[in-house]
PDB file of N, CA and C in Angstrom:
ATOM      1  N   MET A   1      25.505  21.374  19.034  1.00  0.00           N
ATOM      2  CA  MET A   1      26.128  21.873  17.821  1.00  0.00           C
ATOM      3  C   MET A   1      25.031  22.273  16.848  1.00  0.00           C
ATOM      4  N   ALA A   2      25.147  23.419  16.269  1.00  0.00           N
ATOM      5  CA  ALA A   2      24.159  23.925  15.322  1.00  0.00           C
ATOM      6  C   ALA A   2      24.232  23.145  14.018  1.00  0.00           C
ATOM      7  N   SER A   3      23.079  22.976  13.417  1.00  0.00           N
ATOM      8  CA  SER A   3      23.004  22.258  12.149  1.00  0.00           C
ATOM      9  C   SER A   3      23.231  23.219  10.994  1.00  0.00           C
ATOM     10  N   ALA A   4      23.897  22.734   9.966  1.00  0.00           N
ATOM     11  CA  ALA A   4      24.103  23.536   8.768  1.00  0.00           C
ATOM     12  C   ALA A   4      22.937  23.383   7.809  1.00  0.00           C
ATOM     13  N   LYS A   5      22.028  22.491   8.108  1.00  0.00           N
ATOM     14  CA  LYS A   5      20.882  22.232   7.235  1.00  0.00           C
ATOM     15  C   LYS A   5      19.769  23.231   7.530  1.00  0.00           C
ATOM     16  N   PRO A   6      18.932  23.503   6.526  1.00  0.00           N
ATOM     17  CA  PRO A   6      17.818  24.427   6.751  1.00  0.00           C
ATOM     18  C   PRO A   6      16.851  23.865   7.785  1.00  0.00           C
ATOM     19  N   ARG A   7      16.173  24.745   8.463  1.00  0.00           N
ATOM     20  CA  ARG A   7      15.198  24.350   9.484  1.00  0.00           C
ATOM     21  C   ARG A   7      13.819  24.826   9.055  1.00  0.00           C
ATOM     22  N   ILE A   8      12.802  24.222   9.656  1.00  0.00           N
ATOM     23  CA  ILE A   8      11.432  24.659   9.430  1.00  0.00           C
ATOM     24  C   ILE A   8      10.799  24.992  10.770  1.00  0.00           C
ATOM     25  N   GLN A   9       9.785  25.829  10.713  1.00  0.00           N
ATOM     26  CA  GLN A   9       9.061  26.170  11.931  1.00  0.00           C
ATOM     27  C   GLN A   9       7.758  25.387  11.930  1.00  0.00           C
ATOM     28  N   VAL A  10       7.461  24.725  13.036  1.00  0.00           N
ATOM     29  CA  VAL A  10       6.242  23.937  13.164  1.00  0.00           C
ATOM     30  C   VAL A  10       5.491  24.427  14.395  1.00  0.00           C
ATOM     31  N   THR A  11       4.210  24.742  14.211  1.00  0.00           N
ATOM     32  CA  THR A  11       3.386  25.185  15.330  1.00  0.00           C
ATOM     33  C   THR A  11       2.992  23.990  16.175  1.00  0.00           C
ATOM     34  N   LEU A  12       3.201  24.084  17.439  1.00  0.00           N
ATOM     35  CA  LEU A  12       2.850  23.007  18.366  1.00  0.00           C
ATOM     36  C   LEU A  12       1.383  23.177  18.744  1.00  0.00           C
ATOM     37  N   ASP A  13       0.509  22.750  17.821  1.00  0.00           N
ATOM     38  CA  ASP A  13      -0.926  22.856  18.074  1.00  0.00           C
ATOM     39  C   ASP A  13      -1.396  21.678  18.926  1.00  0.00           C
ATOM     40  N   THR A  14      -2.673  21.618  19.176  1.00  0.00           N
ATOM     41  CA  THR A  14      -3.235  20.590  20.061  1.00  0.00           C
ATOM     42  C   THR A  14      -2.959  19.192  19.535  1.00  0.00           C
ATOM     43  N   GLU A  15      -3.159  18.971  18.226  1.00  0.00           N
ATOM     44  CA  GLU A  15      -2.980  17.636  17.651  1.00  0.00           C
ATOM     45  C   GLU A  15      -1.528  17.184  17.700  1.00  0.00           C
ATOM     46  N   LEU A  16      -0.613  18.079  17.339  1.00  0.00           N
ATOM     47  CA  LEU A  16       0.805  17.721  17.376  1.00  0.00           C
ATOM     48  C   LEU A  16       1.261  17.515  18.814  1.00  0.00           C
ATOM     49  N   SER A  17       0.777  18.337  19.694  1.00  0.00           N
ATOM     50  CA  SER A  17       1.134  18.189  21.105  1.00  0.00           C
ATOM     51  C   SER A  17       0.685  16.825  21.639  1.00  0.00           C
ATOM     52  N   ALA A  18      -0.522  16.415  21.271  1.00  0.00           N
ATOM     53  CA  ALA A  18      -1.031  15.110  21.712  1.00  0.00           C
ATOM     54  C   ALA A  18      -0.207  13.973  21.105  1.00  0.00           C
ATOM     55  N   ALA A  19       0.149  14.102  19.830  1.00  0.00           N
ATOM     56  CA  ALA A  19       0.956  13.066  19.180  1.00  0.00           C
ATOM     57  C   ALA A  19       2.324  12.960  19.840  1.00  0.00           C
ATOM     58  N   LEU A  20       2.924  14.080  20.150  1.00  0.00           N
ATOM     59  CA  LEU A  20       4.231  14.066  20.806  1.00  0.00           C
ATOM     60  C   LEU A  20       4.128  13.477  22.212  1.00  0.00           C
ATOM     61  N   ALA A  21       3.066  13.822  22.920  1.00  0.00           N
ATOM     62  CA  ALA A  21       2.893  13.284  24.266  1.00  0.00           C
ATOM     63  C   ALA A  21       2.727  11.772  24.219  1.00  0.00           C
ATOM     64  N   GLU A  22       1.997  11.276  23.212  1.00  0.00           N
ATOM     65  CA  GLU A  22       1.737   9.843  23.115  1.00  0.00           C
ATOM     66  C   GLU A  22       2.921   9.085  22.527  1.00  0.00           C
ATOM     67  N   LEU A  23       3.562   9.649  21.508  1.00  0.00           N
ATOM     68  CA  LEU A  23       4.549   8.898  20.740  1.00  0.00           C
ATOM     69  C   LEU A  23       5.965   9.445  20.810  1.00  0.00           C
ATOM     70  N   GLY A  24       6.126  10.615  21.377  1.00  0.00           N
ATOM     71  CA  GLY A  24       7.431  11.264  21.344  1.00  0.00           C
ATOM     72  C   GLY A  24       8.479  10.651  22.245  1.00  0.00           C
ATOM     73  N   GLY A  25       8.053   9.947  23.259  1.00  0.00           N
ATOM     74  CA  GLY A  25       9.014   9.335  24.163  1.00  0.00           C
ATOM     75  C   GLY A  25       9.848  10.373  24.887  1.00  0.00           C
ATOM     76  N   ALA A  26      11.052   9.975  25.239  1.00  0.00           N
ATOM     77  CA  ALA A  26      11.942  10.851  25.997  1.00  0.00           C
ATOM     78  C   ALA A  26      12.864  11.651  25.089  1.00  0.00           C
ATOM     79  N   GLU A  27      12.707  11.494  23.786  1.00  0.00           N
ATOM     80  CA  GLU A  27      13.591  12.202  22.855  1.00  0.00           C
ATOM     81  C   GLU A  27      13.303  13.706  22.891  1.00  0.00           C
ATOM     82  N   PRO A  28      14.251  14.500  22.457  1.00  0.00           N
ATOM     83  CA  PRO A  28      13.961  15.925  22.294  1.00  0.00           C
ATOM     84  C   PRO A  28      12.807  16.104  21.308  1.00  0.00           C
ATOM     85  N   ARG A  29      11.993  17.119  21.528  1.00  0.00           N
ATOM     86  CA  ARG A  29      10.823  17.323  20.670  1.00  0.00           C
ATOM     87  C   ARG A  29      11.181  17.426  19.202  1.00  0.00           C
ATOM     88  N   SER A  30      12.271  18.090  18.870  1.00  0.00           N
ATOM     89  CA  SER A  30      12.627  18.253  17.455  1.00  0.00           C
ATOM     90  C   SER A  30      12.891  16.896  16.812  1.00  0.00           C
ATOM     91  N   ARG A  31      13.542  16.012  17.533  1.00  0.00           N
ATOM     92  CA  ARG A  31      13.810  14.664  17.006  1.00  0.00           C
ATOM     93  C   ARG A  31      12.501  13.889  16.861  1.00  0.00           C
ATOM     94  N   ALA A  32      11.614  14.011  17.846  1.00  0.00           N
ATOM     95  CA  ALA A  32      10.332  13.315  17.792  1.00  0.00           C
ATOM     96  C   ALA A  32       9.486  13.829  16.625  1.00  0.00           C
ATOM     97  N   VAL A  33       9.479  15.135  16.392  1.00  0.00           N
ATOM     98  CA  VAL A  33       8.735  15.700  15.257  1.00  0.00           C
ATOM     99  C   VAL A  33       9.307  15.172  13.951  1.00  0.00           C
ATOM    100  N   ARG A  34      10.622  15.109  13.840  1.00  0.00           N
ATOM    101  CA  ARG A  34      11.257  14.571  12.637  1.00  0.00           C
ATOM    102  C   ARG A  34      10.855  13.120  12.424  1.00  0.00           C
ATOM    103  N   ASP A  35      10.907  12.316  13.492  1.00  0.00           N
ATOM    104  CA  ASP A  35      10.551  10.903  13.382  1.00  0.00           C
ATOM    105  C   ASP A  35       9.087  10.726  12.973  1.00  0.00           C
ATOM    106  N   LEU A  36       8.192  11.532  13.567  1.00  0.00           N
ATOM    107  CA  LEU A  36       6.784  11.457  13.193  1.00  0.00           C
ATOM    108  C   LEU A  36       6.582  11.844  11.726  1.00  0.00           C
ATOM    109  N   ALA A  37       7.299  12.849  11.264  1.00  0.00           N
ATOM    110  CA  ALA A  37       7.178  13.274   9.865  1.00  0.00           C
ATOM    111  C   ALA A  37       7.670  12.187   8.916  1.00  0.00           C
ATOM    112  N   ILE A  38       8.795  11.573   9.227  1.00  0.00           N
ATOM    113  CA  ILE A  38       9.338  10.508   8.372  1.00  0.00           C
ATOM    114  C   ILE A  38       8.388   9.315   8.352  1.00  0.00           C
ATOM    115  N   ARG A  39       7.904   8.904   9.518  1.00  0.00           N
ATOM    116  CA  ARG A  39       6.981   7.759   9.581  1.00  0.00           C
ATOM    117  C   ARG A  39       5.660   8.088   8.902  1.00  0.00           C
ATOM    118  N   GLY A  40       5.211   9.322   9.032  1.00  0.00           N
ATOM    119  CA  GLY A  40       3.985   9.746   8.342  1.00  0.00           C
ATOM    120  C   GLY A  40       4.157   9.698   6.833  1.00  0.00           C
ATOM    121  N   ALA A  41       5.316  10.132   6.352  1.00  0.00           N
ATOM    122  CA  ALA A  41       5.590  10.076   4.915  1.00  0.00           C
ATOM    123  C   ALA A  41       5.607   8.634   4.424  1.00  0.00           C
ATOM    124  N   GLU A  42       6.182   7.744   5.210  1.00  0.00           N
ATOM    125  CA  GLU A  42       6.207   6.321   4.839  1.00  0.00           C
ATOM    126  C   GLU A  42       4.784   5.764   4.770  1.00  0.00           C
ATOM    127  N   ALA A  43       3.932   6.144   5.714  1.00  0.00           N
ATOM    128  CA  ALA A  43       2.547   5.657   5.727  1.00  0.00           C
ATOM    129  C   ALA A  43       1.772   6.201   4.531  1.00  0.00           C
ATOM    130  N   ILE A  44       1.960   7.472   4.222  1.00  0.00           N
ATOM    131  CA  ILE A  44       1.282   8.076   3.074  1.00  0.00           C
ATOM    132  C   ILE A  44       1.748   7.419   1.784  1.00  0.00           C
ATOM    133  N   ARG A  45       3.046   7.170   1.664  1.00  0.00           N
ATOM    134  CA  ARG A  45       3.595   6.500   0.487  1.00  0.00           C
ATOM    135  C   ARG A  45       3.016   5.088   0.340  1.00  0.00           C
ATOM    136  N   ALA A  46       2.919   4.359   1.450  1.00  0.00           N
ATOM    137  CA  ALA A  46       2.363   3.001   1.414  1.00  0.00           C
ATOM    138  C   ALA A  46       0.895   3.021   0.988  1.00  0.00           C
ATOM    139  N   GLU A  47       0.122   3.978   1.499  1.00  0.00           N
ATOM    140  CA  GLU A  47      -1.284   4.103   1.104  1.00  0.00           C
ATOM    141  C   GLU A  47      -1.399   4.414  -0.381  1.00  0.00           C
ATOM    142  N   ARG A  48      -0.568   5.323  -0.862  1.00  0.00           N
ATOM    143  CA  ARG A  48      -0.580   5.696  -2.279  1.00  0.00           C
ATOM    144  C   ARG A  48      -0.232   4.498  -3.155  1.00  0.00           C
ATOM    145  N   ASP A  49       0.779   3.739  -2.748  1.00  0.00           N
ATOM    146  CA  ASP A  49       1.182   2.552  -3.512  1.00  0.00           C
ATOM    147  C   ASP A  49       0.081   1.497  -3.510  1.00  0.00           C
ATOM    148  N   ALA A  50      -0.580   1.315  -2.369  1.00  0.00           N
ATOM    149  CA  ALA A  50      -1.665   0.329  -2.274  1.00  0.00           C
ATOM    150  C   ALA A  50      -2.827   0.725  -3.177  1.00  0.00           C
ATOM    151  N   ARG A  51      -3.171   2.013  -3.211  1.00  0.00           N
ATOM    152  CA  ARG A  51      -4.244   2.475  -4.098  1.00  0.00           C
ATOM    153  C   ARG A  51      -3.874   2.250  -5.557  1.00  0.00           C
ATOM    154  N   SER A  52      -2.623   2.527  -5.896  1.00  0.00           N
ATOM    155  CA  SER A  52      -2.164   2.332  -7.265  1.00  0.00           C
ATOM    156  C   SER A  52      -2.221   0.859  -7.662  1.00  0.00           C
ATOM    157  N   GLU A  53      -1.770  -0.011  -6.767  1.00  0.00           N
ATOM    158  CA  GLU A  53      -1.822  -1.455  -7.035  1.00  0.00           C
ATOM    159  C   GLU A  53      -3.265  -1.928  -7.177  1.00  0.00           C
ATOM    160  N   ALA A  54      -4.163  -1.392  -6.362  1.00  0.00           N
ATOM    161  CA  ALA A  54      -5.573  -1.779  -6.445  1.00  0.00           C
ATOM    162  C   ALA A  54      -6.167  -1.346  -7.781  1.00  0.00           C
ATOM    163  N   ARG A  55      -5.854  -0.119  -8.225  1.00  0.00           N
ATOM    164  CA  ARG A  55      -6.344   0.344  -9.535  1.00  0.00           C
ATOM    165  C   ARG A  55      -5.823  -0.536 -10.661  1.00  0.00           C
ATOM    166  N   GLU A  56      -4.529  -0.889 -10.589  1.00  0.00           N
ATOM    167  CA  GLU A  56      -3.947  -1.746 -11.620  1.00  0.00           C
ATOM    168  C   GLU A  56      -4.616  -3.120 -11.620  1.00  0.00           C
ATOM    169  N   HIS A  57      -4.902  -3.648 -10.439  1.00  0.00           N
ATOM    170  CA  HIS A  57      -5.568  -4.946 -10.338  1.00  0.00           C
ATOM    171  C   HIS A  57      -6.966  -4.883 -10.960  1.00  0.00           C
ATOM    172  N   LEU A  58      -7.715  -3.832 -10.619  1.00  0.00           N
ATOM    173  CA  LEU A  58      -9.049  -3.677 -11.190  1.00  0.00           C
ATOM    174  C   LEU A  58      -8.991  -3.500 -12.704  1.00  0.00           C
ATOM    175  N   GLN A  59      -7.978  -2.792 -13.170  1.00  0.00           N
ATOM    176  CA  GLN A  59      -7.818  -2.611 -14.617  1.00  0.00           C
ATOM    177  C   GLN A  59      -7.546  -3.953 -15.296  1.00  0.00           C
ATOM    178  N   ARG A  60      -6.731  -4.788 -14.680  1.00  0.00           N
ATOM    179  CA  ARG A  60      -6.457  -6.123 -15.247  1.00  0.00           C
ATOM    180  C   ARG A  60      -7.724  -6.970 -15.278  1.00  0.00           C
ATOM    181  N   ILE A  61      -8.542  -6.850 -14.254  1.00  0.00           N
ATOM    182  CA  ILE A  61      -9.819  -7.577 -14.236  1.00  0.00           C
ATOM    183  C   ILE A  61     -10.714  -7.063 -15.364  1.00  0.00           C
ATOM    184  N   ALA A  62     -10.825  -5.740 -15.482  1.00  0.00           N
ATOM    185  CA  ALA A  62     -11.711  -5.141 -16.477  1.00  0.00           C
ATOM    186  C   ALA A  62     -11.307  -5.485 -17.908  1.00  0.00           C
ATOM    187  N   THR A  63     -10.011  -5.614 -18.144  1.00  0.00           N
ATOM    188  CA  THR A  63      -9.545  -5.911 -19.504  1.00  0.00           C
ATOM    189  C   THR A  63      -9.451  -7.406 -19.777  1.00  0.00           C
ATOM    190  N   GLY A  64      -9.704  -8.215 -18.743  1.00  0.00           N
ATOM    191  CA  GLY A  64      -9.644  -9.654 -18.919  1.00  0.00           C
ATOM    192  C   GLY A  64      -8.254 -10.239 -18.771  1.00  0.00           C
ATOM    193  N   GLU A  65      -7.283  -9.422 -18.401  1.00  0.00           N
ATOM    194  CA  GLU A  65      -5.915  -9.920 -18.203  1.00  0.00           C
ATOM    195  C   GLU A  65      -5.820 -10.812 -16.961  1.00  0.00           C
ATOM    196  N   ASP A  66      -6.707 -10.580 -15.997  1.00  0.00           N
ATOM    197  CA  ASP A  66      -6.721 -11.378 -14.776  1.00  0.00           C
ATOM    198  C   ASP A  66      -7.847 -12.395 -14.905  1.00  0.00           C
ATOM    199  N   ASP A  67      -7.509 -13.644 -15.074  1.00  0.00           N
ATOM    200  CA  ASP A  67      -8.534 -14.661 -15.281  1.00  0.00           C
ATOM    201  C   ASP A  67      -9.087 -15.207 -13.965  1.00  0.00           C
ATOM    202  N   GLY A  68      -8.749 -14.579 -12.867  1.00  0.00           N
ATOM    203  CA  GLY A  68      -9.258 -14.996 -11.570  1.00  0.00           C
ATOM    204  C   GLY A  68     -10.650 -14.462 -11.281  1.00  0.00           C
ATOM    205  N   TYR A  69     -11.174 -13.694 -12.199  1.00  0.00           N
ATOM    206  CA  TYR A  69     -12.496 -13.109 -11.998  1.00  0.00           C
ATOM    207  C   TYR A  69     -13.307 -13.352 -13.257  1.00  0.00           C
ATOM    208  N   ASP A  70     -14.431 -14.010 -13.114  1.00  0.00           N
ATOM    209  CA  ASP A  70     -15.266 -14.363 -14.263  1.00  0.00           C
ATOM    210  C   ASP A  70     -16.569 -13.579 -14.176  1.00  0.00           C
ATOM    211  N   PHE A  71     -16.751 -12.623 -15.086  1.00  0.00           N
ATOM    212  CA  PHE A  71     -17.954 -11.796 -15.064  1.00  0.00           C
ATOM    213  C   PHE A  71     -19.216 -12.622 -15.311  1.00  0.00           C
ATOM    214  N   ALA A  72     -19.128 -13.666 -16.109  1.00  0.00           N
ATOM    215  CA  ALA A  72     -20.301 -14.496 -16.392  1.00  0.00           C
ATOM    216  C   ALA A  72     -20.777 -15.199 -15.121  1.00  0.00           C
ATOM    217  N   VAL A  73     -19.847 -15.694 -14.332  1.00  0.00           N
ATOM    218  CA  VAL A  73     -20.212 -16.345 -13.068  1.00  0.00           C
ATOM    219  C   VAL A  73     -20.840 -15.334 -12.124  1.00  0.00           C
ATOM    220  N   THR A  74     -20.278 -14.172 -12.047  1.00  0.00           N
ATOM    221  CA  THR A  74     -20.819 -13.125 -11.177  1.00  0.00           C
ATOM    222  C   THR A  74     -22.216 -12.736 -11.616  1.00  0.00           C
ATOM    223  N   GLU A  75     -22.414 -12.594 -12.908  1.00  0.00           N
ATOM    224  CA  GLU A  75     -23.740 -12.246 -13.424  1.00  0.00           C
ATOM    225  C   GLU A  75     -24.753 -13.336 -13.072  1.00  0.00           C
ATOM    226  N   ARG A  76     -24.368 -14.584 -13.201  1.00  0.00           N
ATOM    227  CA  ARG A  76     -25.259 -15.694 -12.868  1.00  0.00           C
ATOM    228  C   ARG A  76     -25.595 -15.679 -11.370  1.00  0.00           C
ATOM    229  N   LEU A  77     -24.604 -15.463 -10.526  1.00  0.00           N
ATOM    230  CA  LEU A  77     -24.834 -15.429  -9.085  1.00  0.00           C
ATOM    231  C   LEU A  77     -25.778 -14.300  -8.694  1.00  0.00           C
ATOM    232  N   HIS A  78     -25.609 -13.146  -9.306  1.00  0.00           N
ATOM    233  CA  HIS A  78     -26.501 -12.020  -9.019  1.00  0.00           C
ATOM    234  C   HIS A  78     -27.917 -12.326  -9.500  1.00  0.00           C
ATOM    235  N   ALA A  79     -28.038 -12.992 -10.641  1.00  0.00           N
ATOM    236  CA  ALA A  79     -29.360 -13.342 -11.162  1.00  0.00           C
ATOM    237  C   ALA A  79     -30.051 -14.336 -10.240  1.00  0.00           C
ATOM    238  N   GLU A  80     -29.277 -15.255  -9.650  1.00  0.00           N
ATOM    239  CA  GLU A  80     -29.864 -16.235  -8.734  1.00  0.00           C
ATOM    240  C   GLU A  80     -30.379 -15.599  -7.455  1.00  0.00           C
ATOM    241  N   ARG A  81     -29.851 -14.472  -7.072  1.00  0.00           N
ATOM    242  CA  ARG A  81     -30.281 -13.786  -5.852  1.00  0.00           C
ATOM    243  C   ARG A  81     -31.667 -13.165  -6.024  1.00  0.00           C
ATOM    244  N   ARG A  82     -32.011 -12.833  -7.229  1.00  0.00           N
ATOM    245  CA  ARG A  82     -33.274 -12.107  -7.488  1.00  0.00           C
ATOM    246  C   ARG A  82     -34.451 -12.969  -7.334  1.00  0.00           C
TER     247      ARG A  82
END
């Protein structure tokens, strides 16, 4: 049955072909491409969220909101290494 939703054209280049061969399973290629795109979007979103959380954590450290990091102790430890 034809879909009423818009379609996109995707070139089956070497990299996509290898990904489909490795991960596509027995599903039709169009379904496998869709699944890879959705999972890729989830991975990109997770990476973006992790970077954002890391920046926020560093900002809390820099402003002193996070008391789990003591710059004076770090400075002393670095001085002891010299």
